[in-house]
Amino acid sequence: MKKTKSLSQLEKAIEHKKKHPDKSIRSVASLFGVAWTTLRDHIKNPQMKIGKGASKKLTEAQEKEFCLLICSLVDRGFIVSGKMLKSLACDFAKEKDITLKASNNWVSQFCKNNNLSSRATELLEKPRANHLTSEIINNWFDLLESIIKINKIPPKRIFNMDECGTRMDVVPKRTYCEKGRKCIEITGNSASFHVSTVGTTNAGGSADAPYLIFKGIRKNHRYIEDAHPGILHDVTSTGYMTLKCFESWMDHFLTWAEQFRDNPNQVMLLLLDGYFSHHGCLPALQKAQNQNVIVLVFPSHTTSQLQPEDVGIFKSFKTYLGNEFENWKIQNPDQKIQKCHFSQLCSHAWVKCMSKDNIKNSFRATGIYPLNRQVVLDRLKKSGAITEEDEKIPEDKFSQKVLSQFPTGKKEISARAFPDARIANSQEAIDELRKKIEMKKKLQKQKLKKLKASKGKKKTKKKTKKKIENKKLKKNHNPKTKKENKVRKQKKQRRKKRKSEKPLDLDQNNNNNEEELRIKKQKKRTRKIIHVRRIWIPSGLQAINLIFMLFLGIYRFFSWYLSFIFIFYVGILGGGVYANAFWNISKYIEPIYREFAMGSTSMADTIGIFLAGFLSLFVEPWLNSNKKY
């Protein structure tokens, strides 16, 4: 739906339609930039007032700023879905002190105003080796190379962050035993806890202290008492990184990374994987953007070949950590590894694996620094994930039909889609493809036949059930069921009772009707009472009134004529307490105790009136003797 740009345009559109009745409403609306539904309503009802329209929550400048933020996220590899866009918009509005409810209509209007559209994403669900195509790797390296060259980023300002999960089960991979035994099963500790260790490194060979994430509810500083200085920790419900945890890590990273640049205007590059907690935290990404940190995401299912910490650091870290666990278990055979022990063991393993040579070699092996994409492509070609024949296009007509069946619309047959098509130009490979496709078609036809047969059997079963039911009804000769017969008998009995209870005299009937009307009127009057659930408030006011009246009897602040108004106010309070007490009993007390409550309140009321009258015999002469006027 288009929104009206101004009142004058809508008025002009109405006048134009009156002058040119032959033109359609839609054409006039598009000509003046007005919603055709509003124009239609105003033409049908000329007495309608022209409103101002819906007010925009974000200004045009704010919308452009938010649009640039989304485009930058998409350019760097983030996926912004509909729900993600709504949550980011709400977070963006909160920072601007604006209350925004991002609905589907708001999203569609925002996309129209800023030339955005939703596009289908290609999910890489197959194994990683099957998805490491040369196109994806080349495109990502082109983007990386352009960022590094344009911003002139040296190796010490190229960072990588990743987390790895570990459990506290000390299970050695190999053991000595008798010959002939193939596998030895070991029972693991079911109560072992999960810990995520977050590591940050740069291409210059330096590394930050590990950031540990424990499973728990509250932080405990005992976990890192025996560890090396600089280690930080956090606690989550699962032991994995969350949005809040990523934001706190980002604050720590920005302070630590300042030592690697001379000026705050120098640009830094941070490489991350596509985990949701990394790109779903808008405040953390905005903090990085404000401090000239470019965040770049690896393509999905490529971190095993492109992420430096996955390739060369975490593997050695896990081996060193396993050795530390095993040594500790030998020294303490009767104890279990607790959270307070983990930080100490982790710090020892971290120092061993985070050497300058190891970090530089991991960045070199992934081709990030020095920039060399051919290292990754050659490694994948040796493993067989990428072949030279993948990029060849067959000239056969049949192969062109096969290409049209691809949902991605690619113009090439890859060895990952068809494992037997490594020699695409040979006729033997094409014949094999034809046979496979024909076999698939036959299997699909067989499945369809089975489904049709099963549906036919279900229909015949339903028909037979209906026939049996009809036969039973014919035998009984009673189309009505037992329940319907019971209802009929009950109705007849009610009619007989009404006839017997009807009064013979018309005067008696009229009198009864008058009494019923009176009762109904009384019930309606009780509904008009101002209901008070907390009766202690008016009763407290009555106590204040008593004290005020006693002082009035002694000092006489104003004339007695005005005191009559005050007495009227006291009477209203007393009546309100009396009426609301019984109303609350009838509504909120259970019917078993209701009668007892009604009786006790009425008795309390009479006793209170009696005590008030009895005390007045002594209070009145005392007031007369002590009056000061």
Foldseek 3Di string as FASTA:
>chain_A
DFAQPAPVLLVVLLVVCVVPVVDDLVVSCVVSVHDSVVSVVCNVPVPDDDDPTDDDQDDPVLLVVLVVVVVLCVVQPADQDPVLSQVLVCVSCVVVVTHDRCDPVNVVVSCVVVVHDDDDDDDDPDALLQPPEPVQLVVQLVVLVVVCVVLVDDQLQEKEKDKDKDWQWLDDPDDDDDPPDDDDDDDTDPPIWMKIWMWMDTLQQDTAAIEIEGADDDDDCLLCPQADPRYHYYYDNRNDDALVNLQVVLVVVVVVSVVSDDDLPRAGEYEYERDCSNPSRVVSVVVCVVSRYRYHYRHPSCCCQQPLCNPFFVVQLVVQLSVLSVVVCVVPVPDGDDSSNSNHSSNVSNVVRSGSVRSNVSNVQNCSVVNDSVSSVVVSVVVPSDDPQFPDAEPDPVSVVVLVPDPVNDRTHGCSVPVQCSPVHDPVSVVVVVVVVVVVVVVVVVVVVVVVVVVVVVVVVVVVVVVVVVVVCVVVVDPDDPVVVVVVVVVVVVVVVVVVPDDPDPVVVVVVVVVVVVVVVVVVVLVPQDADPPLVVLVVVLVVLVVVVLVCLAEVPDDVVVVVVVVVVSVVSVVNSVSNQLVCLVPPPDPVCSVVSVVVVVVVVVVVVVVVVVVCVVSVVVSVVRHDD
